[in-house]
Amino acid sequence: NYSVPVPVSPRRQETLAVRWLVDISRSKTGKSFDKLLEIELVSAFNREGDAIKKKGDVERMAEANKAFAHFRW
């Protein structure tokens, strides 16, 4: 299996962003979910936090796999 980078529609971009924010907030403990989600939203707005790190990781992975783009049908 090859990880082939493909363009993502704007709707899919929003869906992924919200999913990553919620998943990261759920994985943390110590406070109520609404407070954790609030903290993660504010940190994402400030271009920091785990959701932005996840986005960067995905972009780096896509850049690394650009050589496999010719396998896209």
Protein backbone atom coordinates (compact mmCIF):
# COMPACT_ATOMS: atom_id res chain seq x y z
CA ASN A 1 0.00 0.00 0.00
CA TYR A 2 1.18 3.50 -0.85
CA SER A 3 0.06 6.68 0.90
CA VAL A 4 -0.78 8.81 -2.10
CA PRO A 5 -1.31 12.53 -1.39
CA VAL A 6 -4.49 13.94 -2.95
CA PRO A 7 -6.09 17.39 -2.80
CA VAL A 8 -8.76 17.73 -0.13
CA SER A 9 -11.99 19.65 -0.68
CA PRO A 10 -12.74 22.64 1.58
CA ARG A 11 -15.62 20.77 3.23
CA ARG A 12 -13.33 17.84 4.00
CA GLN A 13 -10.72 20.25 5.39
CA GLU A 14 -13.25 21.63 7.87
CA THR A 15 -14.41 18.13 8.80
CA LEU A 16 -10.86 16.98 9.50
CA ALA A 17 -10.07 20.11 11.53
CA VAL A 18 -13.11 19.66 13.76
CA ARG A 19 -12.47 15.93 14.12
CA TRP A 20 -8.86 16.53 15.16
CA LEU A 21 -9.90 19.19 17.69
CA VAL A 22 -12.53 16.94 19.25
CA ASP A 23 -10.32 13.83 19.29
CA ILE A 24 -7.44 15.68 20.92
CA SER A 25 -9.77 17.22 23.50
CA ARG A 26 -11.24 13.80 24.30
CA SER A 27 -7.80 12.27 24.78
CA LYS A 28 -6.84 14.78 27.49
CA THR A 29 -7.90 14.44 31.11
CA GLY A 30 -8.04 16.60 34.20
CA LYS A 31 -10.76 19.07 33.21
CA SER A 32 -14.24 18.91 31.75
CA PHE A 33 -14.54 18.31 28.02
CA ASP A 34 -15.91 21.78 27.28
CA LYS A 35 -12.93 23.44 28.98
CA LEU A 36 -10.47 21.17 27.16
CA LEU A 37 -12.15 21.89 23.82
CA GLU A 38 -12.07 25.60 24.56
CA ILE A 39 -8.35 25.45 25.36
CA GLU A 40 -7.65 23.49 22.17
CA LEU A 41 -9.70 25.92 20.04
CA VAL A 42 -7.86 28.93 21.44
CA SER A 43 -4.48 27.29 20.95
CA ALA A 44 -5.42 26.35 17.35
CA PHE A 45 -6.45 29.96 16.73
CA ASN A 46 -3.02 31.02 17.97
CA ARG A 47 -1.36 28.48 15.59
CA GLU A 48 -0.11 26.24 18.40
CA GLY A 49 -1.33 23.13 20.18
CA ASP A 50 -1.80 19.50 19.29
CA ALA A 51 -4.29 20.03 16.43
CA ILE A 52 -1.82 22.27 14.60
CA LYS A 53 0.91 19.69 15.25
CA LYS A 54 -1.35 17.00 13.73
CA LYS A 55 -1.93 19.21 10.67
CA GLY A 56 1.80 19.73 10.26
CA ASP A 57 2.45 16.00 10.58
CA VAL A 58 -0.09 15.23 7.86
CA GLU A 59 1.35 17.90 5.57
CA ARG A 60 4.90 16.58 6.09
CA MET A 61 3.73 13.03 5.37
CA ALA A 62 2.04 14.20 2.16
CA GLU A 63 5.19 16.05 1.11
CA ALA A 64 7.30 12.96 1.77
CA ASN A 65 4.94 10.80 -0.27
CA LYS A 66 4.75 13.18 -3.22
CA ALA A 67 6.88 10.71 -5.17
CA PHE A 68 3.92 8.31 -5.18
CA ALA A 69 1.51 10.87 -6.72
CA HIS A 70 1.77 9.15 -10.11
CA PHE A 71 -0.01 6.11 -8.59
CA ARG A 72 -3.21 8.15 -8.24
CA TRP A 73 -5.85 6.91 -10.67
